[in-house]
Amino acid sequence: MQLVTVYQALNPADAQLARSQLEAAGFHAVVTNELSALSLDGYALAAGGILVQVPDAEADDARELLNAPACPDESEIDPSAPPA
C-alpha cells in the first residue's frame, strides 16, 4: 500500500484537523513529519510541511473532501425547504 500526500500543513493542529476530517469520512489517513516539526523550530517548513497521507486508491476522493467548501453557499440554500 503506497501512501499519497493529500494535504500539507506547517503546524500540527492543521494537520490533525485534516486527518480527523478524513477519518470521520471513512478514509485511512496518517500524519507524518509531525514529531520532527515539533522537536526542531523551522523543521516543518524545511521538510516540506507536516504531511497528511492516505492510500493511493483513496487520494482523489480525499482531496475532493478537503477542498470542498466548509458550508454551502447561500445561493444553494432553498429558503422554502423545512429546517433539518
Protein backbone atom coordinates (compact mmCIF):
# COMPACT_ATOMS: atom_id res chain seq x y z
CA MET A 1 0.00 0.00 0.00
CA GLN A 2 1.55 3.26 -1.14
CA LEU A 3 0.63 6.45 0.71
CA VAL A 4 -0.04 9.72 -1.13
CA THR A 5 0.11 13.20 0.37
CA VAL A 6 -3.26 14.94 0.14
CA TYR A 7 -2.59 17.86 2.50
CA GLN A 8 0.45 19.76 3.81
CA ALA A 9 0.44 21.92 6.93
CA LEU A 10 3.01 23.96 8.79
CA ASN A 11 1.54 23.30 12.22
CA PRO A 12 0.34 20.08 13.85
CA ALA A 13 -3.14 21.39 14.64
CA ASP A 14 -3.99 21.96 10.96
CA ALA A 15 -2.62 18.55 10.01
CA GLN A 16 -4.56 16.76 12.75
CA LEU A 17 -7.76 18.61 11.82
CA ALA A 18 -7.43 17.43 8.21
CA ARG A 19 -6.67 13.89 9.38
CA SER A 20 -9.72 13.82 11.64
CA GLN A 21 -11.99 15.11 8.85
CA LEU A 22 -10.73 12.35 6.58
CA GLU A 23 -11.09 9.64 9.24
CA ALA A 24 -14.63 10.78 10.06
CA ALA A 25 -15.48 10.29 6.39
CA GLY A 26 -14.02 6.76 6.38
CA PHE A 27 -10.57 7.39 4.91
CA HIS A 28 -7.41 5.76 6.29
CA ALA A 29 -5.36 8.90 6.96
CA VAL A 30 -2.00 9.24 8.71
CA VAL A 31 0.13 12.25 9.66
CA THR A 32 3.89 12.20 9.00
CA ASN A 33 6.74 14.57 9.94
CA GLU A 34 4.76 15.85 12.93
CA LEU A 35 7.19 14.85 15.69
CA SER A 36 10.19 16.20 13.79
CA ALA A 37 8.41 19.52 13.26
CA LEU A 38 7.65 19.73 16.97
CA SER A 39 11.22 19.00 18.06
CA LEU A 40 13.05 21.50 15.83
CA ASP A 41 11.95 25.06 15.13
CA GLY A 42 11.50 25.64 11.41
CA TYR A 43 11.79 21.96 10.53
CA ALA A 44 8.22 21.74 9.24
CA LEU A 45 8.97 24.36 6.61
CA ALA A 46 12.36 22.86 5.73
CA ALA A 47 10.93 19.34 5.41
CA GLY A 48 8.06 20.42 3.17
CA GLY A 49 5.47 20.56 5.90
CA ILE A 50 3.61 18.12 8.06
CA LEU A 51 2.00 15.66 5.68
CA VAL A 52 -1.44 14.10 5.76
CA GLN A 53 -1.39 10.95 3.67
CA VAL A 54 -3.91 8.33 2.53
CA PRO A 55 -3.61 5.14 0.48
CA ASP A 56 -3.23 5.79 -3.26
CA ALA A 57 -6.72 4.41 -4.01
CA GLU A 58 -8.32 6.99 -1.69
CA ALA A 59 -6.27 10.05 -2.72
CA ASP A 60 -8.60 11.65 -5.28
CA ASP A 61 -11.67 11.36 -3.07
CA ALA A 62 -9.73 12.61 -0.03
CA ARG A 63 -8.53 15.71 -1.89
CA GLU A 64 -12.09 16.38 -3.05
CA LEU A 65 -13.34 16.20 0.54
CA LEU A 66 -10.63 18.51 1.86
CA ASN A 67 -11.16 21.04 -0.95
CA ALA A 68 -14.95 21.13 -0.58
CA PRO A 69 -16.42 24.33 0.89
CA ALA A 70 -16.96 24.15 4.64
CA CYS A 71 -20.58 25.26 4.36
CA PRO A 72 -22.97 25.68 1.44
CA ASP A 73 -23.07 28.92 -0.48
CA GLU A 74 -26.16 30.98 0.39
CA SER A 75 -27.29 30.77 -3.24
CA GLU A 76 -27.54 26.96 -2.83
CA ILE A 77 -29.89 27.15 0.15
CA ASP A 78 -33.59 26.77 -0.63
CA PRO A 79 -35.45 29.17 1.68
CA SER A 80 -38.70 27.23 1.22
CA ALA A 81 -37.16 23.97 2.48
CA PRO A 82 -38.08 22.92 6.02
CA PRO A 83 -35.26 23.11 8.59
CA ALA A 84 -33.27 19.93 9.09
